[in-house]
N, C-alpha and C. Protein backbone atom coordinates (compact mmCIF):
# COMPACT_ATOMS: atom_id res chain seq x y z
N MET A 1 163.20 22.62 234.12
CA MET A 1 162.19 21.27 233.97
C MET A 1 161.54 21.39 233.00
N PRO A 2 161.05 20.10 232.09
CA PRO A 2 160.53 20.16 230.95
C PRO A 2 159.30 21.00 231.15
N PHE A 3 158.18 21.40 230.01
CA PHE A 3 157.13 21.55 230.14
C PHE A 3 156.08 20.32 230.23
N VAL A 4 156.28 19.15 229.63
CA VAL A 4 155.52 17.96 229.40
C VAL A 4 155.62 17.36 230.86
N PRO A 5 154.36 17.10 231.65
CA PRO A 5 153.97 16.76 232.74
C PRO A 5 154.33 15.08 232.85
N ASP A 6 155.64 14.91 232.86
CA ASP A 6 156.01 13.37 232.80
C ASP A 6 157.41 13.15 233.85
N PRO A 7 157.24 12.41 234.93
CA PRO A 7 158.39 12.75 235.51
C PRO A 7 159.68 12.02 234.94
N ASP A 8 159.21 11.11 233.65
CA ASP A 8 160.55 10.74 233.17
C ASP A 8 161.05 11.64 232.30
N VAL A 9 160.37 12.37 232.00
CA VAL A 9 160.56 13.58 230.45
C VAL A 9 161.14 14.40 231.44
N LYS A 10 162.71 14.85 231.01
CA LYS A 10 163.98 16.10 230.83
C LYS A 10 163.82 17.02 230.17
N TRP A 11 163.54 16.47 228.89
CA TRP A 11 163.64 17.12 227.95
C TRP A 11 162.43 16.92 226.70
N ASP A 12 161.78 18.31 226.48
CA ASP A 12 160.36 18.15 225.66
C ASP A 12 160.79 17.99 224.10
N VAL A 13 161.96 18.31 223.74
CA VAL A 13 162.33 17.87 222.25
C VAL A 13 163.71 17.74 222.12
N PHE A 14 163.84 16.74 221.48
CA PHE A 14 165.30 15.99 221.26
C PHE A 14 165.33 16.51 219.24
N VAL A 15 166.33 16.95 219.23
CA VAL A 15 166.83 17.59 218.00
C VAL A 15 167.92 16.59 217.20
N SER A 16 167.48 15.75 216.33
CA SER A 16 168.98 14.67 215.65
C SER A 16 169.01 15.48 214.24
N TYR A 17 169.97 15.62 214.20
CA TYR A 17 170.57 16.59 213.06
C TYR A 17 171.75 15.50 212.50
N ALA A 18 172.23 15.57 211.17
CA ALA A 18 173.47 15.56 210.83
C ALA A 18 174.50 16.66 211.26
N HIS A 19 175.43 16.75 211.78
CA HIS A 19 176.55 17.89 211.82
C HIS A 19 177.18 18.68 210.81
N VAL A 20 176.61 17.79 209.26
CA VAL A 20 177.15 18.24 208.16
C VAL A 20 176.18 19.39 207.82
N ASP A 21 175.28 19.51 208.46
CA ASP A 21 174.24 20.07 208.17
C ASP A 21 174.34 21.73 209.34
N ASN A 22 175.26 21.54 210.05
CA ASN A 22 175.32 22.58 210.94
C ASN A 22 176.75 23.15 210.49
N LEU A 23 177.36 22.86 209.60
CA LEU A 23 178.78 23.45 209.10
C LEU A 23 178.56 25.02 209.39
N GLU A 24 177.72 25.23 208.26
CA GLU A 24 177.72 27.10 208.16
C GLU A 24 176.79 27.89 209.35
N GLY A 25 176.16 26.92 210.26
CA GLY A 25 175.32 27.13 211.95
C GLY A 25 173.99 27.02 211.64
N TRP A 26 173.74 26.40 210.47
CA TRP A 26 172.05 26.45 210.39
C TRP A 26 171.45 26.10 211.23
N VAL A 27 171.83 25.10 211.88
CA VAL A 27 171.22 24.13 212.44
C VAL A 27 171.18 24.69 214.24
N GLY A 28 172.21 25.23 214.27
CA GLY A 28 172.34 26.17 215.56
C GLY A 28 171.18 27.52 215.73
N ARG A 29 171.11 28.06 214.23
CA ARG A 29 170.20 29.07 213.89
C ARG A 29 168.27 28.88 214.36
N PHE A 30 168.36 27.51 214.01
CA PHE A 30 166.78 26.56 213.94
C PHE A 30 166.72 26.64 215.24
N HIS A 31 167.57 25.83 215.80
CA HIS A 31 167.17 25.86 217.36
C HIS A 31 166.75 26.75 218.10
N LYS A 32 167.52 28.19 218.10
CA LYS A 32 167.22 29.38 218.40
C LYS A 32 165.97 29.66 218.12
N GLN A 33 165.50 29.76 217.04
CA GLN A 33 163.77 30.44 216.29
C GLN A 33 163.16 29.26 216.68
N LEU A 34 163.16 28.22 217.08
CA LEU A 34 162.58 27.50 217.57
C LEU A 34 162.09 27.42 218.83
N SER A 35 163.30 27.68 219.76
CA SER A 35 163.17 27.72 221.17
C SER A 35 162.33 29.15 221.08
N ILE A 36 162.77 30.24 220.86
CA ILE A 36 161.93 31.39 220.73
C ILE A 36 160.37 31.15 220.36
N LYS A 37 160.32 30.79 219.31
CA LYS A 37 158.60 30.40 218.63
C LYS A 37 158.27 29.41 219.93
N LEU A 38 158.77 28.65 220.57
CA LEU A 38 157.69 27.77 221.28
C LEU A 38 158.00 28.46 222.94
N ASP A 39 158.74 29.25 223.36
CA ASP A 39 158.49 30.20 224.21
C ASP A 39 157.65 31.13 224.64
N GLN A 40 157.57 31.74 223.30
CA GLN A 40 156.26 32.78 222.72
C GLN A 40 154.74 32.42 222.90
N ARG A 41 155.09 31.12 222.45
CA ARG A 41 153.40 29.79 222.18
C ARG A 41 153.23 29.84 223.65
N GLY A 42 153.94 29.28 224.35
CA GLY A 42 153.76 28.69 225.62
C GLY A 42 153.97 29.74 226.65
N GLY A 43 154.23 31.19 226.58
CA GLY A 43 153.73 32.17 227.12
C GLY A 43 155.31 32.65 228.13
N ARG A 44 156.48 31.50 228.48
CA ARG A 44 157.35 31.73 229.17
C ARG A 44 158.43 31.46 228.87
N ALA A 45 159.38 31.84 228.70
CA ALA A 45 161.21 31.58 228.64
C ALA A 45 161.80 30.54 229.20
N GLY A 46 162.47 29.97 228.14
CA GLY A 46 163.03 28.76 228.87
C GLY A 46 162.31 27.56 229.50
N GLU A 47 160.49 27.84 229.29
CA GLU A 47 159.89 26.34 230.10
C GLU A 47 160.19 25.09 229.19
N ILE A 48 160.06 25.21 227.88
CA ILE A 48 160.31 24.18 227.07
C ILE A 48 161.45 23.95 226.89
N GLN A 49 161.98 22.62 227.29
CA GLN A 49 163.48 22.10 226.99
C GLN A 49 163.73 21.49 225.75
N ILE A 50 164.80 22.31 224.76
CA ILE A 50 165.21 21.24 223.47
C ILE A 50 166.22 21.17 223.53
N TRP A 51 166.66 19.98 223.30
CA TRP A 51 168.75 18.98 223.42
C TRP A 51 168.59 19.00 222.02
N ARG A 52 169.45 19.38 221.88
CA ARG A 52 170.32 19.09 220.93
C ARG A 52 172.04 18.88 220.97
N ASP A 53 172.92 18.26 220.17
CA ASP A 53 174.35 18.18 220.68
C ASP A 53 175.40 19.14 219.96
N PRO A 54 174.81 20.41 220.05
CA PRO A 54 175.94 21.40 219.85
C PRO A 54 177.57 20.86 219.32
N LYS A 55 178.09 20.27 220.38
CA LYS A 55 179.52 19.94 220.63
C LYS A 55 179.87 19.35 221.98
N LEU A 56 179.98 17.75 221.52
CA LEU A 56 180.05 17.37 222.91
C LEU A 56 181.58 17.37 222.99
N ASP A 57 182.68 17.51 223.89
CA ASP A 57 183.78 17.43 224.48
C ASP A 57 184.42 15.95 224.11
N GLU A 58 185.89 16.10 224.20
CA GLU A 58 186.32 14.72 224.10
C GLU A 58 186.19 13.75 225.01
N ALA A 59 185.85 14.28 226.44
CA ALA A 59 186.00 13.60 227.64
C ALA A 59 184.26 13.20 227.95
N THR A 60 183.30 13.27 227.05
CA THR A 60 182.23 12.84 226.97
C THR A 60 182.04 11.41 226.46
N LEU A 61 181.36 10.60 227.08
CA LEU A 61 181.08 9.72 227.11
C LEU A 61 179.72 9.66 226.02
N PHE A 62 179.81 9.78 224.48
CA PHE A 62 178.99 10.17 223.42
C PHE A 62 177.90 9.29 223.89
N ASP A 63 177.98 8.14 223.56
CA ASP A 63 176.52 7.40 223.42
C ASP A 63 175.66 7.24 224.62
N THR A 64 176.87 7.37 225.52
CA THR A 64 175.81 7.57 226.85
C THR A 64 174.68 8.33 227.03
N VAL A 65 175.33 9.98 226.78
CA VAL A 65 174.97 10.93 227.18
C VAL A 65 174.15 10.94 225.66
N ILE A 66 173.82 10.48 224.30
CA ILE A 66 173.10 10.40 223.56
C ILE A 66 171.81 9.52 223.95
N ARG A 67 171.98 8.43 224.37
CA ARG A 67 170.90 7.64 224.71
C ARG A 67 170.13 8.33 225.78
N ASP A 68 170.77 8.79 227.19
CA ASP A 68 170.23 9.19 227.96
C ASP A 68 169.24 10.51 227.27
N ARG A 69 169.66 11.54 226.50
CA ARG A 69 168.90 12.78 226.38
C ARG A 69 167.60 11.72 225.56
N VAL A 70 167.81 10.67 224.72
CA VAL A 70 166.77 10.45 223.83
C VAL A 70 165.79 9.88 224.47
N GLU A 71 166.10 8.68 225.35
CA GLU A 71 165.52 8.03 226.42
C GLU A 71 164.32 9.34 227.10
N HIS A 72 164.87 10.13 227.40
CA HIS A 72 164.21 11.34 228.77
C HIS A 72 163.65 12.47 227.69
N SER A 73 163.22 12.05 226.45
CA SER A 73 162.76 13.40 225.59
C SER A 73 160.98 12.87 225.12
N ALA A 74 160.22 14.23 225.12
CA ALA A 74 158.89 13.79 224.89
C ALA A 74 158.67 13.68 223.38
N LEU A 75 159.40 14.20 222.59
CA LEU A 75 159.36 14.28 221.45
C LEU A 75 160.84 13.94 220.62
N PHE A 76 160.71 13.58 219.23
CA PHE A 76 161.91 13.39 218.56
C PHE A 76 161.55 14.32 217.20
N LEU A 77 162.99 15.23 217.11
CA LEU A 77 162.41 16.27 215.89
C LEU A 77 163.55 15.61 214.82
N ALA A 78 163.18 15.11 213.72
CA ALA A 78 164.67 14.76 212.77
C ALA A 78 164.72 15.68 211.76
N LEU A 79 165.93 16.57 211.28
CA LEU A 79 166.20 17.36 210.79
C LEU A 79 166.79 16.79 209.44
N CYS A 80 166.03 15.97 208.65
CA CYS A 80 166.28 15.22 207.33
C CYS A 80 166.91 15.77 206.14
N SER A 81 167.92 14.98 205.88
CA SER A 81 168.50 15.93 204.49
C SER A 81 169.89 14.39 204.05
N SER A 82 170.27 14.63 203.31
CA SER A 82 171.20 13.36 203.07
C SER A 82 172.32 13.07 203.58
N GLY A 83 172.76 14.10 204.57
CA GLY A 83 173.71 13.55 205.62
C GLY A 83 173.08 13.03 206.53
N TYR A 84 171.65 13.19 206.97
CA TYR A 84 170.83 12.88 207.94
C TYR A 84 170.74 11.17 207.72
N LYS A 85 170.23 11.43 206.06
CA LYS A 85 170.28 9.54 205.80
C LYS A 85 171.30 8.49 205.89
N ARG A 86 172.38 9.16 205.79
CA ARG A 86 173.81 8.35 205.84
C ARG A 86 174.51 8.31 207.40
N SER A 87 173.64 9.19 208.37
CA SER A 87 174.47 8.98 209.66
C SER A 87 174.09 8.00 210.18
N ASP A 88 174.93 6.90 210.71
CA ASP A 88 174.67 5.72 211.69
C ASP A 88 174.04 6.09 212.83
N TYR A 89 174.69 7.29 213.32
CA TYR A 89 174.09 7.75 214.49
C TYR A 89 172.67 8.65 214.74
N CYS A 90 172.35 9.14 213.27
CA CYS A 90 170.84 9.34 213.39
C CYS A 90 169.92 8.49 213.46
N LYS A 91 170.51 7.07 212.84
CA LYS A 91 169.50 6.59 212.65
C LYS A 91 169.54 5.23 214.10
N GLY A 92 170.78 5.13 214.75
CA GLY A 92 170.51 4.95 215.96
C GLY A 92 169.53 5.85 217.18
N GLU A 93 170.00 7.12 217.00
CA GLU A 93 169.07 7.68 217.90
C GLU A 93 167.50 7.61 217.46
N PHE A 94 167.26 7.45 216.20
CA PHE A 94 165.97 7.05 216.08
C PHE A 94 165.29 5.81 216.58
N GLU A 95 166.32 4.83 216.60
CA GLU A 95 165.82 3.48 216.62
C GLU A 95 165.69 3.68 218.30
N ALA A 96 166.67 4.53 218.84
CA ALA A 96 166.49 4.14 220.32
C ALA A 96 165.27 4.76 220.92
N PHE A 97 164.77 6.13 220.29
CA PHE A 97 163.51 6.63 220.48
C PHE A 97 162.23 5.86 220.50
N CYS A 98 162.46 4.95 219.32
CA CYS A 98 161.25 4.22 219.14
C CYS A 98 161.21 3.06 220.24
N LYS A 99 162.17 2.39 220.28
CA LYS A 99 162.50 1.32 221.51
C LYS A 99 161.95 1.72 222.79
N ARG A 100 162.20 3.41 223.20
CA ARG A 100 162.10 3.59 224.26
C ARG A 100 160.53 3.85 224.56
N TYR A 101 159.47 4.13 223.47
CA TYR A 101 158.28 4.21 223.40
C TYR A 101 157.59 2.86 223.04
N GLY A 102 157.97 2.66 221.87
CA GLY A 102 157.08 1.17 221.74
C GLY A 102 156.10 2.10 220.65
N ASP A 103 156.05 0.70 220.03
CA ASP A 103 154.88 1.68 218.70
C ASP A 103 153.40 2.24 219.51
N ALA A 104 152.94 1.86 220.44
CA ALA A 104 151.76 2.29 221.12
C ALA A 104 151.74 3.49 221.76
N ARG A 105 153.04 3.56 222.17
CA ARG A 105 153.38 5.17 222.87
C ARG A 105 153.95 6.07 221.98
N LEU A 106 154.33 5.66 220.51
CA LEU A 106 154.91 6.78 220.22
C LEU A 106 153.60 7.80 219.38
N ARG A 107 152.78 7.81 220.08
CA ARG A 107 151.24 8.43 219.79
C ARG A 107 150.29 9.01 220.48
N VAL A 108 150.06 9.93 220.63
CA VAL A 108 149.60 10.43 221.87
C VAL A 108 148.35 11.13 221.28
N ASN A 109 147.10 10.60 221.76
CA ASN A 109 145.84 10.72 220.84
C ASN A 109 146.02 10.79 219.37
N GLU A 110 146.08 11.47 218.40
CA GLU A 110 146.18 11.76 217.37
C GLU A 110 147.29 12.44 216.91
N ARG A 111 148.23 12.52 217.25
CA ARG A 111 149.67 13.16 217.37
C ARG A 111 150.34 11.82 217.62
N SER A 112 151.57 12.24 216.46
CA SER A 112 152.92 11.63 216.50
C SER A 112 153.89 12.29 217.35
N ARG A 113 154.73 11.30 218.13
CA ARG A 113 155.83 12.23 219.07
C ARG A 113 157.27 12.33 218.28
N ILE A 114 156.88 11.74 217.05
CA ILE A 114 158.11 11.77 215.84
C ILE A 114 157.69 12.76 214.74
N LEU A 115 158.66 14.16 214.97
CA LEU A 115 158.37 15.24 214.10
C LEU A 115 159.34 15.21 213.06
N ARG A 116 159.27 15.57 211.85
CA ARG A 116 160.26 15.53 210.62
C ARG A 116 160.61 17.01 209.92
N ALA A 117 161.33 17.55 209.66
CA ALA A 117 162.16 18.64 208.91
C ALA A 117 162.72 18.23 207.77
N ARG A 118 162.40 18.33 206.74
CA ARG A 118 163.09 17.75 205.97
C ARG A 118 163.75 19.61 205.21
N LEU A 119 165.13 19.19 205.23
CA LEU A 119 165.81 20.44 204.85
C LEU A 119 166.53 20.32 203.73
N GLN A 120 166.04 19.13 202.62
CA GLN A 120 166.30 18.70 201.00
C GLN A 120 165.34 17.93 200.86
N ASN A 121 165.14 17.96 199.95
CA ASN A 121 163.77 17.45 198.97
C ASN A 121 163.77 15.78 198.91
N ILE A 122 163.93 15.43 200.19
CA ILE A 122 164.00 13.96 200.57
C ILE A 122 162.45 13.09 200.20
N PRO A 123 162.51 12.10 199.51
CA PRO A 123 161.40 11.77 199.36
C PRO A 123 160.59 11.36 200.67
N TYR A 124 159.28 11.07 201.12
CA TYR A 124 158.74 10.93 202.34
C TYR A 124 159.03 9.63 202.50
N GLU A 125 159.15 8.79 201.61
CA GLU A 125 158.74 7.17 201.92
C GLU A 125 160.70 6.97 202.57
N GLN A 126 161.58 7.87 202.41
CA GLN A 126 162.85 7.84 203.04
C GLN A 126 162.95 8.31 204.13
N LEU A 127 162.11 9.04 204.54
CA LEU A 127 162.38 9.92 206.04
C LEU A 127 161.72 8.64 207.58
N PRO A 128 162.14 8.90 208.11
CA PRO A 128 162.35 7.95 209.37
C PRO A 128 161.00 8.32 209.95
N GLY A 129 160.54 7.08 210.38
CA GLY A 129 158.79 7.10 210.85
C GLY A 129 158.11 7.15 209.74
N THR A 130 158.19 6.94 208.66
CA THR A 130 157.11 7.05 207.84
C THR A 130 155.98 6.09 207.92
N SER A 131 156.01 5.09 208.76
CA SER A 131 154.96 4.08 208.69
C SER A 131 153.76 4.70 209.69
N ASP A 132 154.21 5.86 210.35
CA ASP A 132 153.06 6.74 211.22
C ASP A 132 152.04 7.63 210.00
N ARG A 133 152.50 7.84 208.97
CA ARG A 133 151.38 8.26 208.00
C ARG A 133 151.33 9.99 208.13
N THR A 134 152.93 10.39 209.01
CA THR A 134 152.48 11.97 208.99
C THR A 134 153.56 12.76 208.06
N SER A 135 153.10 13.95 207.86
CA SER A 135 153.96 14.33 206.75
C SER A 135 155.29 15.07 207.55
N ALA A 136 155.72 16.23 206.81
CA ALA A 136 156.93 16.63 207.11
C ALA A 136 157.00 18.11 207.13
N PHE A 137 157.62 19.08 207.75
CA PHE A 137 157.86 20.12 207.76
C PHE A 137 158.71 20.80 206.77
N ASP A 138 158.71 21.43 205.56
CA ASP A 138 159.75 21.59 204.85
C ASP A 138 160.35 22.91 205.04
N PHE A 139 161.70 23.10 204.71
CA PHE A 139 162.63 24.12 205.03
C PHE A 139 163.44 24.22 203.78
N PHE A 140 162.92 23.94 202.96
CA PHE A 140 163.58 24.17 201.86
C PHE A 140 162.73 24.34 200.49
N VAL A 141 163.14 25.16 199.50
CA VAL A 141 162.23 25.27 198.08
C VAL A 141 163.02 24.44 197.02
N ALA A 142 162.18 23.96 195.98
CA ALA A 142 162.88 23.13 195.22
C ALA A 142 161.88 23.14 193.98
N ALA A 143 162.37 22.98 192.73
CA ALA A 143 161.43 22.17 191.73
C ALA A 143 161.05 20.95 192.23
N HIS A 144 159.99 19.89 191.80
CA HIS A 144 159.80 18.83 192.16
C HIS A 144 161.06 17.99 191.87
N ASP A 145 161.23 18.10 190.58
CA ASP A 145 162.36 16.75 190.22
C ASP A 145 163.66 17.39 190.90
N ASP A 146 164.24 18.10 191.25
CA ASP A 146 165.43 18.83 192.13
C ASP A 146 165.72 17.89 192.99
N PRO A 147 166.70 17.25 193.24
CA PRO A 147 166.76 15.85 194.25
C PRO A 147 167.49 16.43 195.70
N ILE A 148 167.84 18.23 195.69
CA ILE A 148 168.24 18.58 196.99
C ILE A 148 167.59 19.85 197.08
N GLY A 149 167.35 20.84 196.61
CA GLY A 149 166.53 22.08 196.22
C GLY A 149 167.76 22.85 197.19
N LYS A 150 166.87 24.37 197.68
CA LYS A 150 167.73 25.15 198.47
C LYS A 150 167.17 25.76 199.75
N LEU A 151 168.30 25.25 201.03
CA LEU A 151 167.74 25.46 202.27
C LEU A 151 166.94 27.28 202.59
N LEU A 152 165.97 27.09 203.29
CA LEU A 152 165.65 28.52 203.62
C LEU A 152 166.44 29.40 204.66
N GLU A 153 166.59 30.53 204.65
CA GLU A 153 167.85 31.00 205.36
C GLU A 153 166.49 31.20 206.71
N THR A 154 167.24 30.93 207.69
CA THR A 154 166.65 31.51 209.09
C THR A 154 165.91 32.64 209.61
N GLU A 155 166.60 33.64 208.40
CA GLU A 155 166.25 35.11 208.98
C GLU A 155 164.58 35.65 207.91
N SER A 156 164.35 34.47 206.86
CA SER A 156 163.70 34.47 205.66
C SER A 156 161.98 34.59 206.26
N GLN A 157 161.13 35.23 205.64
CA GLN A 157 159.82 34.95 206.06
C GLN A 157 159.08 33.69 205.94
N PRO A 158 159.87 33.13 204.62
CA PRO A 158 159.39 31.83 204.51
C PRO A 158 159.54 30.70 205.38
N PHE A 159 160.66 31.15 205.85
CA PHE A 159 161.66 29.97 207.29
C PHE A 159 160.40 30.62 208.61
N ARG A 160 160.28 31.86 208.59
CA ARG A 160 159.79 31.87 210.09
C ARG A 160 157.88 31.69 209.98
N VAL A 161 157.54 31.49 208.73
CA VAL A 161 156.36 31.05 208.71
C VAL A 161 156.25 29.04 208.96
N LYS A 162 156.86 28.73 208.42
CA LYS A 162 157.33 27.46 208.85
C LYS A 162 157.44 27.03 210.36
């Protein structure tokens, strides 16, 4: 049961990412650390439900499952990278989430339902949801003119601070 008290919500957070960003397991480790931190913040293990598609098997109706998870999630977390920008699936997930809530319901009080984490030095204007004028969580380090940067290791202090 999700933390968000809404009968239409089954998942608190939908994590949208390009599978290329998980080739070395970074997204899996990020998911685990996010889950731990949210559990600690909420005071109960497993109460906050986070969904991502670690690997759907060959018999899974992929589009149906993804659409269901997107439409029943309270928050959308985009892990933004070059791979994310090039992914039609990521774009479709974002569009489905926006369609599910519509412009008026993408905001709750003064907060956005769309969260962005930059895994690379992607310009803000190229991130999904920039019309809501929010920033992003940066999980990389780079000089200003470096178009990629270096991804933070999930066990590092700078990562844990984020």
